[in-house]
Amino acid sequence: MEPKLLLDDLSKLLRESKRKLKKRIKEKSNYSNCGGKVFMTHDESALFLDCLNYKEQVISFHLIKGGVGKTTLAQSIASRVSVYGAKVLCIDLDQQSNLSQAFGMKQVNYPNMYDILANDIAINEAIISVCPGIDLIKSSLSNAKLDHMIFMQHNNVKTLFLDMLKDLKTSYDFIMFDCPPTLGVSVQSAIIASDTIVLPINPDLFSVEGLKICIEEIKLLAESYQKDIDIKIIINKFDNRTILSHEISQFLFEEDYFKELVLPTVVHNNQDFSNKLSRGVSIYDSPSQKKSAKEIDDIVINLMELRLCQTKK
């Protein structure tokens, strides 16, 4: 796996000509060329992009309804964040291990979060390097027992993941939880440890019902534990051909309860996601990047609060 930041995208972001950019990159870092496409990988971007500033944060991807593309978005967003020079740790809490599989790490013999708690393993010992810029704490079926383990050990839901992540935050710019579609104590602990909750939703009636339940629970947890938590709704798997996609999206953009939380970029249904994830790579691994890559990039710029500055924070 090797996500790529195309020179075309960088030129638009920095509002600089590609010719001038190439010259500047050569002075501080390097770039690669494949099939006529010039690009940078994480290590090259980290050296060059000191002109970018962003909000370092813990993000949880969650919704109580399955099948909304939560893991696909988590893997794609983590991949894009990394090529802007940020260091990302992904934590797979879902016993289905879809994120671990999406990174090609499902079969790797490393501890998961259940193992960490059950066997008192240092969290650093569970970290797998996926590629430069992206690390992972994988999942497996035993994570189905995670909530029971937290309960039996009388762990403090508020501080469990907050304490675990305290030292890790010095090594990572972004920590991302991929949560199972439940409201158990492990998910609650991840929410409390997060600065932002990303709620992907398919434009259908069942997803909207689950969305409202999730938002109410997040707000209740934030109030109970006196924590400021941003909520971001992403409309995913949008299909231009269906009336329902248009109606549900319009409802979310206009309804007072949701409209301030919905990100403006809609992610269209695209086979490119499943094609790439089935091979354990991202939509940014190929130098030939499609419409889906642009949509995720718009979301990442919003989530990261990416902006130009004199020096990187």
C-alpha atoms as a PDB file:
ATOM      1  CA  MET A   1       0.000   0.000   0.000  1.00  0.00           C
ATOM      2  CA  GLU A   2       1.376   3.390  -1.039  1.00  0.00           C
ATOM      3  CA  PRO A   3      -1.100   6.314  -1.207  1.00  0.00           C
ATOM      4  CA  LYS A   4      -0.060   9.117  -3.526  1.00  0.00           C
ATOM      5  CA  LEU A   5      -0.577  12.880  -3.595  1.00  0.00           C
ATOM      6  CA  LEU A   6      -0.675  13.994  -7.234  1.00  0.00           C
ATOM      7  CA  LEU A   7       1.144  17.138  -8.270  1.00  0.00           C
ATOM      8  CA  ASP A   8      -2.072  18.256  -9.997  1.00  0.00           C
ATOM      9  CA  ASP A   9      -3.904  18.254  -6.644  1.00  0.00           C
ATOM     10  CA  LEU A  10      -1.034  19.942  -4.830  1.00  0.00           C
ATOM     11  CA  SER A  11      -0.865  22.646  -7.480  1.00  0.00           C
ATOM     12  CA  LYS A  12      -4.553  23.473  -6.975  1.00  0.00           C
ATOM     13  CA  LEU A  13      -4.273  23.387  -3.182  1.00  0.00           C
ATOM     14  CA  LEU A  14      -1.209  25.670  -3.032  1.00  0.00           C
ATOM     15  CA  ARG A  15      -2.331  27.762  -6.020  1.00  0.00           C
ATOM     16  CA  GLU A  16       1.032  27.361  -7.652  1.00  0.00           C
ATOM     17  CA  SER A  17       2.095  26.270 -11.119  1.00  0.00           C
ATOM     18  CA  LYS A  18       3.267  22.669 -11.473  1.00  0.00           C
ATOM     19  CA  ARG A  19       6.559  23.830 -12.934  1.00  0.00           C
ATOM     20  CA  LYS A  20       7.304  26.053  -9.942  1.00  0.00           C
ATOM     21  CA  LEU A  21       6.179  23.341  -7.545  1.00  0.00           C
ATOM     22  CA  LYS A  22       8.515  20.760  -9.058  1.00  0.00           C
ATOM     23  CA  LYS A  23      11.428  23.106  -8.599  1.00  0.00           C
ATOM     24  CA  ARG A  24      10.527  23.844  -4.971  1.00  0.00           C
ATOM     25  CA  ILE A  25       9.968  20.166  -4.161  1.00  0.00           C
ATOM     26  CA  LYS A  26      13.406  19.275  -5.517  1.00  0.00           C
ATOM     27  CA  GLU A  27      14.996  21.821  -3.168  1.00  0.00           C
ATOM     28  CA  LYS A  28      13.508  20.213  -0.017  1.00  0.00           C
ATOM     29  CA  SER A  29      12.261  16.729  -0.846  1.00  0.00           C
ATOM     30  CA  ASN A  30      11.586  14.589  -3.912  1.00  0.00           C
ATOM     31  CA  TYR A  31       8.799  13.366  -6.165  1.00  0.00           C
ATOM     32  CA  SER A  32       8.110  10.350  -8.344  1.00  0.00           C
ATOM     33  CA  ASN A  33       6.718   9.872 -11.838  1.00  0.00           C
ATOM     34  CA  CYS A  34       4.562   7.033 -13.135  1.00  0.00           C
ATOM     35  CA  GLY A  35       2.762   6.987 -16.467  1.00  0.00           C
ATOM     36  CA  GLY A  36       3.198  10.737 -16.846  1.00  0.00           C
ATOM     37  CA  LYS A  37       1.675  11.423 -13.406  1.00  0.00           C
ATOM     38  CA  VAL A  38       3.931  13.217 -10.906  1.00  0.00           C
ATOM     39  CA  PHE A  39       3.212  12.455  -7.244  1.00  0.00           C
ATOM     40  CA  MET A  40       4.533  12.450  -3.686  1.00  0.00           C
ATOM     41  CA  THR A  41       4.163   9.825  -0.969  1.00  0.00           C
ATOM     42  CA  HIS A  42       3.901  10.402   2.797  1.00  0.00           C
ATOM     43  CA  ASP A  43       7.624  10.711   3.521  1.00  0.00           C
ATOM     44  CA  GLU A  44       8.145  13.143   0.656  1.00  0.00           C
ATOM     45  CA  SER A  45       5.096  15.214   1.647  1.00  0.00           C
ATOM     46  CA  ALA A  46       6.165  15.328   5.305  1.00  0.00           C
ATOM     47  CA  LEU A  47       9.466  16.916   4.245  1.00  0.00           C
ATOM     48  CA  PHE A  48       7.930  19.395   1.830  1.00  0.00           C
ATOM     49  CA  LEU A  49       4.532  20.456   3.194  1.00  0.00           C
ATOM     50  CA  ASP A  50       5.602  22.610   6.134  1.00  0.00           C
ATOM     51  CA  CYS A  51       3.372  25.286   4.598  1.00  0.00           C
ATOM     52  CA  LEU A  52       0.247  23.406   5.693  1.00  0.00           C
ATOM     53  CA  ASN A  53      -1.443  23.601   9.053  1.00  0.00           C
ATOM     54  CA  TYR A  54      -4.169  21.279  10.307  1.00  0.00           C
ATOM     55  CA  LYS A  55      -6.132  20.390  13.410  1.00  0.00           C
ATOM     56  CA  GLU A  56      -4.663  17.305  15.076  1.00  0.00           C
ATOM     57  CA  GLN A  57      -7.476  15.184  16.482  1.00  0.00           C
ATOM     58  CA  VAL A  58      -8.990  11.865  17.476  1.00  0.00           C
ATOM     59  CA  ILE A  59     -11.784  10.796  15.116  1.00  0.00           C
ATOM     60  CA  SER A  60     -14.322   7.973  15.510  1.00  0.00           C
ATOM     61  CA  PHE A  61     -16.241   6.520  12.561  1.00  0.00           C
ATOM     62  CA  HIS A  62     -19.558   5.231  13.810  1.00  0.00           C
ATOM     63  CA  LEU A  63     -23.200   4.508  13.078  1.00  0.00           C
ATOM     64  CA  ILE A  64     -25.482   1.943  14.702  1.00  0.00           C
ATOM     65  CA  LYS A  65     -26.617   0.731  11.275  1.00  0.00           C
ATOM     66  CA  GLY A  66     -24.198  -1.482   9.344  1.00  0.00           C
ATOM     67  CA  GLY A  67     -23.507  -1.370   5.615  1.00  0.00           C
ATOM     68  CA  VAL A  68     -23.112   2.405   5.376  1.00  0.00           C
ATOM     69  CA  GLY A  69     -19.518   2.314   4.114  1.00  0.00           C
ATOM     70  CA  LYS A  70     -17.999   3.328   7.449  1.00  0.00           C
ATOM     71  CA  THR A  71     -14.843   1.248   7.026  1.00  0.00           C
ATOM     72  CA  THR A  72     -14.397   2.282   3.387  1.00  0.00           C
ATOM     73  CA  LEU A  73     -14.489   5.935   4.406  1.00  0.00           C
ATOM     74  CA  ALA A  74     -12.156   5.360   7.363  1.00  0.00           C
ATOM     75  CA  GLN A  75      -9.523   3.666   5.185  1.00  0.00           C
ATOM     76  CA  SER A  76      -9.839   6.217   2.377  1.00  0.00           C
ATOM     77  CA  ILE A  77      -9.741   9.222   4.709  1.00  0.00           C
ATOM     78  CA  ALA A  78      -6.748   7.854   6.663  1.00  0.00           C
ATOM     79  CA  SER A  79      -4.912   7.250   3.382  1.00  0.00           C
ATOM     80  CA  ARG A  80      -5.552  10.784   2.157  1.00  0.00           C
ATOM     81  CA  VAL A  81      -4.654  12.396   5.477  1.00  0.00           C
ATOM     82  CA  SER A  82      -1.305  10.577   5.444  1.00  0.00           C
ATOM     83  CA  VAL A  83      -0.225  11.967   2.062  1.00  0.00           C
ATOM     84  CA  TYR A  84      -0.588  15.497   3.403  1.00  0.00           C
ATOM     85  CA  GLY A  85       2.336  14.598   5.663  1.00  0.00           C
ATOM     86  CA  ALA A  86       0.322  13.675   8.781  1.00  0.00           C
ATOM     87  CA  LYS A  87       0.996  10.542  10.829  1.00  0.00           C
ATOM     88  CA  VAL A  88      -2.148   8.423  11.360  1.00  0.00           C
ATOM     89  CA  LEU A  89      -2.961   5.589  13.782  1.00  0.00           C
ATOM     90  CA  CYS A  90      -6.094   3.579  12.960  1.00  0.00           C
ATOM     91  CA  ILE A  91      -7.707   1.460  15.692  1.00  0.00           C
ATOM     92  CA  ASP A  92     -10.091  -1.258  14.519  1.00  0.00           C
ATOM     93  CA  LEU A  93     -12.642  -1.989  17.258  1.00  0.00           C
ATOM     94  CA  ASP A  94     -15.113  -3.898  15.071  1.00  0.00           C
ATOM     95  CA  GLN A  95     -14.898  -7.690  15.493  1.00  0.00           C
ATOM     96  CA  GLN A  96     -15.649  -8.061  11.768  1.00  0.00           C
ATOM     97  CA  SER A  97     -12.115  -6.698  11.164  1.00  0.00           C
ATOM     98  CA  ASN A  98     -13.091  -4.972   7.934  1.00  0.00           C
ATOM     99  CA  LEU A  99     -10.634  -2.116   8.433  1.00  0.00           C
ATOM    100  CA  SER A 100      -7.827  -4.567   9.194  1.00  0.00           C
ATOM    101  CA  GLN A 101      -8.698  -6.408   5.991  1.00  0.00           C
ATOM    102  CA  ALA A 102      -8.903  -3.145   4.030  1.00  0.00           C
ATOM    103  CA  PHE A 103      -5.309  -2.456   5.045  1.00  0.00           C
ATOM    104  CA  GLY A 104      -4.294  -6.033   4.178  1.00  0.00           C
ATOM    105  CA  MET A 105      -3.509  -6.823   7.817  1.00  0.00           C
ATOM    106  CA  LYS A 106      -6.307  -9.169   8.927  1.00  0.00           C
ATOM    107  CA  GLN A 107      -4.078 -12.262   9.067  1.00  0.00           C
ATOM    108  CA  VAL A 108      -1.132 -10.568  10.781  1.00  0.00           C
ATOM    109  CA  ASN A 109      -0.517 -12.029  14.250  1.00  0.00           C
ATOM    110  CA  TYR A 110      -0.665  -8.948  16.471  1.00  0.00           C
ATOM    111  CA  PRO A 111      -2.730  -8.189  19.614  1.00  0.00           C
ATOM    112  CA  ASN A 112      -6.084  -6.459  19.274  1.00  0.00           C
ATOM    113  CA  MET A 113      -7.783  -4.215  21.838  1.00  0.00           C
ATOM    114  CA  TYR A 114      -9.292  -7.177  23.690  1.00  0.00           C
ATOM    115  CA  ASP A 115      -5.834  -8.787  23.975  1.00  0.00           C
ATOM    116  CA  ILE A 116      -4.368  -5.518  25.258  1.00  0.00           C
ATOM    117  CA  LEU A 117      -6.866  -5.382  28.132  1.00  0.00           C
ATOM    118  CA  ALA A 118      -7.087  -9.118  28.852  1.00  0.00           C
ATOM    119  CA  ASN A 119      -3.328  -9.703  28.947  1.00  0.00           C
ATOM    120  CA  ASP A 120      -2.136  -6.283  30.141  1.00  0.00           C
ATOM    121  CA  ILE A 121      -0.164  -5.697  26.926  1.00  0.00           C
ATOM    122  CA  ALA A 122       1.398  -2.288  26.297  1.00  0.00           C
ATOM    123  CA  ILE A 123      -0.534  -0.601  23.507  1.00  0.00           C
ATOM    124  CA  ASN A 124       2.689   0.152  21.611  1.00  0.00           C
ATOM    125  CA  GLU A 125       3.266  -3.594  21.212  1.00  0.00           C
ATOM    126  CA  ALA A 126       0.002  -3.902  19.235  1.00  0.00           C
ATOM    127  CA  ILE A 127       0.859  -1.275  16.616  1.00  0.00           C
ATOM    128  CA  ILE A 128       1.430  -2.526  13.061  1.00  0.00           C
ATOM    129  CA  SER A 129       3.074  -0.399  10.373  1.00  0.00           C
ATOM    130  CA  VAL A 130       0.783  -0.497   7.320  1.00  0.00           C
ATOM    131  CA  CYS A 131       2.857   1.895   5.209  1.00  0.00           C
ATOM    132  CA  PRO A 132       4.759   5.153   5.805  1.00  0.00           C
ATOM    133  CA  GLY A 133       2.338   7.495   7.572  1.00  0.00           C
ATOM    134  CA  ILE A 134      -0.259   4.876   8.567  1.00  0.00           C
ATOM    135  CA  ASP A 135      -0.148   2.497  11.536  1.00  0.00           C
ATOM    136  CA  LEU A 136      -2.865   0.131  12.737  1.00  0.00           C
ATOM    137  CA  ILE A 137      -4.109  -1.676  15.807  1.00  0.00           C
ATOM    138  CA  LYS A 138      -5.951  -4.560  14.169  1.00  0.00           C
ATOM    139  CA  SER A 139      -9.111  -6.374  15.159  1.00  0.00           C
ATOM    140  CA  SER A 140     -10.299  -9.970  15.190  1.00  0.00           C
ATOM    141  CA  LEU A 141     -13.326 -11.922  16.406  1.00  0.00           C
ATOM    142  CA  SER A 142     -12.176 -11.805  20.017  1.00  0.00           C
ATOM    143  CA  ASN A 143     -13.012  -8.089  20.062  1.00  0.00           C
ATOM    144  CA  ALA A 144     -16.639  -9.279  20.326  1.00  0.00           C
ATOM    145  CA  LYS A 145     -15.773  -9.858  24.011  1.00  0.00           C
ATOM    146  CA  LEU A 146     -14.302  -6.367  24.480  1.00  0.00           C
ATOM    147  CA  ASP A 147     -17.351  -4.798  26.133  1.00  0.00           C
ATOM    148  CA  HIS A 148     -17.627  -7.710  28.560  1.00  0.00           C
ATOM    149  CA  MET A 149     -13.918  -7.395  29.401  1.00  0.00           C
ATOM    150  CA  ILE A 150     -14.276  -3.668  30.097  1.00  0.00           C
ATOM    151  CA  PHE A 151     -17.242  -4.402  32.372  1.00  0.00           C
ATOM    152  CA  MET A 152     -15.512  -7.262  34.234  1.00  0.00           C
ATOM    153  CA  GLN A 153     -12.366  -5.216  34.835  1.00  0.00           C
ATOM    154  CA  HIS A 154     -14.441  -2.279  36.115  1.00  0.00           C
ATOM    155  CA  ASN A 155     -12.661   0.038  33.693  1.00  0.00           C
ATOM    156  CA  ASN A 156     -13.697   3.665  33.739  1.00  0.00           C
ATOM    157  CA  VAL A 157     -15.511   4.261  30.451  1.00  0.00           C
ATOM    158  CA  LYS A 158     -14.590   7.939  30.494  1.00  0.00           C
ATOM    159  CA  THR A 159     -10.855   7.468  30.940  1.00  0.00           C
ATOM    160  CA  LEU A 160     -10.137   4.054  29.356  1.00  0.00           C
ATOM    161  CA  PHE A 161      -9.197   5.174  25.838  1.00  0.00           C
ATOM    162  CA  LEU A 162      -8.288   8.697  26.943  1.00  0.00           C
ATOM    163  CA  ASP A 163      -5.531   7.233  29.127  1.00  0.00           C
ATOM    164  CA  MET A 164      -4.435   4.749  26.454  1.00  0.00           C
ATOM    165  CA  LEU A 165      -4.074   7.477  23.839  1.00  0.00           C
ATOM    166  CA  LYS A 166      -2.365  10.053  26.034  1.00  0.00           C
ATOM    167  CA  ASP A 167       1.192   9.022  25.179  1.00  0.00           C
ATOM    168  CA  LEU A 168       0.335   8.026  21.596  1.00  0.00           C
ATOM    169  CA  LYS A 169      -0.770  11.563  20.762  1.00  0.00           C
ATOM    170  CA  THR A 170       2.867  12.683  20.803  1.00  0.00           C
ATOM    171  CA  SER A 171       3.609  10.231  17.959  1.00  0.00           C
ATOM    172  CA  TYR A 172       0.487  10.739  15.801  1.00  0.00           C
ATOM    173  CA  ASP A 173      -1.315  13.719  14.316  1.00  0.00           C
ATOM    174  CA  PHE A 174      -4.549  11.755  13.867  1.00  0.00           C
ATOM    175  CA  ILE A 175      -5.941   8.729  15.697  1.00  0.00           C
ATOM    176  CA  MET A 176      -8.977   7.115  14.073  1.00  0.00           C
ATOM    177  CA  PHE A 177     -11.333   4.551  15.614  1.00  0.00           C
ATOM    178  CA  ASP A 178     -13.411   2.292  13.369  1.00  0.00           C
ATOM    179  CA  CYS A 179     -16.286   1.411  15.703  1.00  0.00           C
ATOM    180  CA  PRO A 180     -18.760  -1.479  15.496  1.00  0.00           C
ATOM    181  CA  PRO A 181     -22.441  -0.597  14.842  1.00  0.00           C
ATOM    182  CA  THR A 182     -23.406  -0.732  18.532  1.00  0.00           C
ATOM    183  CA  LEU A 183     -23.634   1.625  21.504  1.00  0.00           C
ATOM    184  CA  GLY A 184     -21.646  -0.594  23.885  1.00  0.00           C
ATOM    185  CA  VAL A 185     -19.112   0.625  26.422  1.00  0.00           C
ATOM    186  CA  SER A 186     -16.128   0.310  24.066  1.00  0.00           C
ATOM    187  CA  VAL A 187     -17.860   2.571  21.550  1.00  0.00           C
ATOM    188  CA  GLN A 188     -18.843   4.988  24.320  1.00  0.00           C
ATOM    189  CA  SER A 189     -15.222   5.130  25.485  1.00  0.00           C
ATOM    190  CA  ALA A 190     -14.041   5.789  21.921  1.00  0.00           C
ATOM    191  CA  ILE A 191     -16.615   8.580  21.539  1.00  0.00           C
ATOM    192  CA  ILE A 192     -15.537  10.217  24.796  1.00  0.00           C
ATOM    193  CA  ALA A 193     -11.877  10.034  23.698  1.00  0.00           C
ATOM    194  CA  SER A 194     -12.704  11.643  20.339  1.00  0.00           C
ATOM    195  CA  ASP A 195     -12.691  15.236  19.174  1.00  0.00           C
ATOM    196  CA  THR A 196     -14.818  14.431  16.124  1.00  0.00           C
ATOM    197  CA  ILE A 197     -17.375  11.732  15.322  1.00  0.00           C
ATOM    198  CA  VAL A 198     -17.891  10.944  11.644  1.00  0.00           C
ATOM    199  CA  LEU A 199     -21.338   9.487  10.935  1.00  0.00           C
ATOM    200  CA  PRO A 200     -21.596   8.033   7.409  1.00  0.00           C
ATOM    201  CA  ILE A 201     -25.120   7.598   6.140  1.00  0.00           C
ATOM    202  CA  ASN A 202     -26.614   5.964   3.091  1.00  0.00           C
ATOM    203  CA  PRO A 203     -29.487   8.038   1.687  1.00  0.00           C
ATOM    204  CA  ASP A 204     -32.235   5.690   2.886  1.00  0.00           C
ATOM    205  CA  LEU A 205     -34.885   5.854   5.624  1.00  0.00           C
ATOM    206  CA  PHE A 206     -33.326   3.213   7.883  1.00  0.00           C
ATOM    207  CA  SER A 207     -29.996   5.075   8.009  1.00  0.00           C
ATOM    208  CA  VAL A 208     -31.713   8.353   8.961  1.00  0.00           C
ATOM    209  CA  GLU A 209     -33.403   6.634  11.916  1.00  0.00           C
ATOM    210  CA  GLY A 210     -30.074   5.233  13.112  1.00  0.00           C
ATOM    211  CA  LEU A 211     -28.420   8.608  12.554  1.00  0.00           C
ATOM    212  CA  LYS A 212     -30.738  10.427  14.945  1.00  0.00           C
ATOM    213  CA  ILE A 213     -30.223   7.799  17.666  1.00  0.00           C
ATOM    214  CA  CYS A 214     -26.431   8.132  17.301  1.00  0.00           C
ATOM    215  CA  ILE A 215     -26.485  11.918  17.481  1.00  0.00           C
ATOM    216  CA  GLU A 216     -28.646  11.863  20.621  1.00  0.00           C
ATOM    217  CA  GLU A 217     -26.273   9.376  22.279  1.00  0.00           C
ATOM    218  CA  ILE A 218     -23.165  11.401  21.358  1.00  0.00           C
ATOM    219  CA  LYS A 219     -24.705  14.602  22.694  1.00  0.00           C
ATOM    220  CA  LEU A 220     -25.715  12.829  25.909  1.00  0.00           C
ATOM    221  CA  LEU A 221     -22.188  11.444  26.406  1.00  0.00           C
ATOM    222  CA  ALA A 222     -20.619  14.814  25.636  1.00  0.00           C
ATOM    223  CA  GLU A 223     -22.876  16.516  28.176  1.00  0.00           C
ATOM    224  CA  SER A 224     -22.411  13.821  30.832  1.00  0.00           C
ATOM    225  CA  TYR A 225     -18.616  13.901  30.591  1.00  0.00           C
ATOM    226  CA  GLN A 226     -18.314  17.628  29.833  1.00  0.00           C
ATOM    227  CA  LYS A 227     -16.557  17.026  26.525  1.00  0.00           C
ATOM    228  CA  ASP A 228     -16.740  19.106  23.349  1.00  0.00           C
ATOM    229  CA  ILE A 229     -17.307  16.696  20.462  1.00  0.00           C
ATOM    230  CA  ASP A 230     -17.872  17.735  16.849  1.00  0.00           C
ATOM    231  CA  ILE A 231     -20.304  15.674  14.792  1.00  0.00           C
ATOM    232  CA  LYS A 232     -19.823  15.376  11.032  1.00  0.00           C
ATOM    233  CA  ILE A 233     -22.365  13.593   8.817  1.00  0.00           C
ATOM    234  CA  ILE A 234     -21.163  12.257   5.467  1.00  0.00           C
ATOM    235  CA  ILE A 235     -23.761  11.311   2.850  1.00  0.00           C
ATOM    236  CA  ASN A 236     -22.270   8.170   1.330  1.00  0.00           C
ATOM    237  CA  LYS A 237     -23.211   5.833  -1.544  1.00  0.00           C
ATOM    238  CA  PHE A 238     -25.247   8.566  -3.229  1.00  0.00           C
ATOM    239  CA  ASP A 239     -26.880   7.315  -6.434  1.00  0.00           C
ATOM    240  CA  ASN A 240     -27.894   9.994  -8.944  1.00  0.00           C
ATOM    241  CA  ARG A 241     -30.332   7.568 -10.572  1.00  0.00           C
ATOM    242  CA  THR A 242     -32.596   7.143  -7.533  1.00  0.00           C
ATOM    243  CA  ILE A 243     -35.213   9.599  -6.330  1.00  0.00           C
ATOM    244  CA  LEU A 244     -34.640   8.456  -2.738  1.00  0.00           C
ATOM    245  CA  SER A 245     -30.971   9.542  -2.808  1.00  0.00           C
ATOM    246  CA  HIS A 246     -32.010  13.052  -3.812  1.00  0.00           C
ATOM    247  CA  GLU A 247     -34.930  13.242  -1.369  1.00  0.00           C
ATOM    248  CA  ILE A 248     -33.005  11.993   1.681  1.00  0.00           C
ATOM    249  CA  SER A 249     -30.002  14.202   0.899  1.00  0.00           C
ATOM    250  CA  GLN A 250     -32.212  17.253   0.479  1.00  0.00           C
ATOM    251  CA  PHE A 251     -33.938  16.429   3.779  1.00  0.00           C
ATOM    252  CA  LEU A 252     -30.593  16.230   5.615  1.00  0.00           C
ATOM    253  CA  PHE A 253     -29.317  19.487   4.098  1.00  0.00           C
ATOM    254  CA  GLU A 254     -32.536  21.358   4.963  1.00  0.00           C
ATOM    255  CA  GLU A 255     -33.751  19.800   8.244  1.00  0.00           C
ATOM    256  CA  ASP A 256     -32.797  22.001  11.226  1.00  0.00           C
ATOM    257  CA  TYR A 257     -31.727  19.005  13.327  1.00  0.00           C
ATOM    258  CA  PHE A 258     -29.153  17.823  10.757  1.00  0.00           C
ATOM    259  CA  LYS A 259     -28.216  20.644   8.393  1.00  0.00           C
ATOM    260  CA  GLU A 260     -25.421  22.163  10.484  1.00  0.00           C
ATOM    261  CA  LEU A 261     -23.770  18.750  10.856  1.00  0.00           C
ATOM    262  CA  VAL A 262     -23.799  17.549   7.231  1.00  0.00           C
ATOM    263  CA  LEU A 263     -20.594  17.996   5.234  1.00  0.00           C
ATOM    264  CA  PRO A 264     -21.244  19.673   1.873  1.00  0.00           C
ATOM    265  CA  THR A 265     -19.485  16.988  -0.185  1.00  0.00           C
ATOM    266  CA  VAL A 266     -21.543  13.934  -1.119  1.00  0.00           C
ATOM    267  CA  VAL A 267     -19.720  10.641  -1.828  1.00  0.00           C
ATOM    268  CA  HIS A 268     -21.233   8.920  -4.848  1.00  0.00           C
ATOM    269  CA  ASN A 269     -21.670   5.173  -5.159  1.00  0.00           C
ATOM    270  CA  ASN A 270     -18.512   4.049  -6.942  1.00  0.00           C
ATOM    271  CA  GLN A 271     -17.127   0.590  -7.673  1.00  0.00           C
ATOM    272  CA  ASP A 272     -13.599   1.984  -7.325  1.00  0.00           C
ATOM    273  CA  PHE A 273     -13.855   1.746  -3.522  1.00  0.00           C
ATOM    274  CA  SER A 274     -14.653  -1.969  -3.356  1.00  0.00           C
ATOM    275  CA  ASN A 275     -12.192  -2.799  -6.143  1.00  0.00           C
ATOM    276  CA  LYS A 276      -9.335  -1.191  -4.228  1.00  0.00           C
ATOM    277  CA  LEU A 277     -10.307  -2.381  -0.732  1.00  0.00           C
ATOM    278  CA  SER A 278     -10.590  -5.988  -1.860  1.00  0.00           C
ATOM    279  CA  ARG A 279      -6.893  -5.811  -2.766  1.00  0.00           C
ATOM    280  CA  GLY A 280      -5.837  -4.118   0.482  1.00  0.00           C
ATOM    281  CA  VAL A 281      -4.962  -0.809  -1.203  1.00  0.00           C
ATOM    282  CA  SER A 282      -6.558   2.652  -1.213  1.00  0.00           C
ATOM    283  CA  ILE A 283      -8.193   4.733  -3.940  1.00  0.00           C
ATOM    284  CA  TYR A 284      -5.035   6.878  -3.775  1.00  0.00           C
ATOM    285  CA  ASP A 285      -2.567   4.099  -4.569  1.00  0.00           C
ATOM    286  CA  SER A 286      -2.962   4.451  -8.314  1.00  0.00           C
ATOM    287  CA  PRO A 287      -1.621   7.560 -10.089  1.00  0.00           C
ATOM    288  CA  SER A 288      -4.865   7.463 -12.117  1.00  0.00           C
ATOM    289  CA  GLN A 289      -7.325   8.716  -9.505  1.00  0.00           C
ATOM    290  CA  LYS A 290     -11.061   8.927 -10.156  1.00  0.00           C
ATOM    291  CA  LYS A 291     -13.981  11.098  -9.041  1.00  0.00           C
ATOM    292  CA  SER A 292     -14.191   9.241  -5.732  1.00  0.00           C
ATOM    293  CA  ALA A 293     -10.666  10.414  -4.853  1.00  0.00           C
ATOM    294  CA  LYS A 294     -11.680  14.064  -5.348  1.00  0.00           C
ATOM    295  CA  GLU A 295     -14.767  13.642  -3.164  1.00  0.00           C
ATOM    296  CA  ILE A 296     -12.762  12.114  -0.303  1.00  0.00           C
ATOM    297  CA  ASP A 297     -10.128  14.830  -0.684  1.00  0.00           C
ATOM    298  CA  ASP A 298     -12.770  17.546  -0.229  1.00  0.00           C
ATOM    299  CA  ILE A 299     -13.948  15.783   2.952  1.00  0.00           C
ATOM    300  CA  VAL A 300     -10.390  15.410   4.261  1.00  0.00           C
ATOM    301  CA  ILE A 301      -9.618  19.103   3.737  1.00  0.00           C
ATOM    302  CA  ASN A 302     -12.761  19.888   5.759  1.00  0.00           C
ATOM    303  CA  LEU A 303     -12.021  17.378   8.541  1.00  0.00           C
ATOM    304  CA  MET A 304      -8.348  18.336   8.858  1.00  0.00           C
ATOM    305  CA  GLU A 305      -9.224  22.053   8.696  1.00  0.00           C
ATOM    306  CA  LEU A 306      -6.354  22.140   6.229  1.00  0.00           C
ATOM    307  CA  ARG A 307      -4.999  25.614   5.546  1.00  0.00           C
ATOM    308  CA  LEU A 308      -1.876  27.426   4.409  1.00  0.00           C
ATOM    309  CA  CYS A 309       0.472  28.902   6.988  1.00  0.00           C
ATOM    310  CA  GLN A 310       4.103  29.829   7.400  1.00  0.00           C
ATOM    311  CA  THR A 311       5.118  26.713   9.330  1.00  0.00           C
ATOM    312  CA  LYS A 312       3.302  23.518  10.185  1.00  0.00           C
ATOM    313  CA  LYS A 313       1.898  23.276  13.680  1.00  0.00           C
END
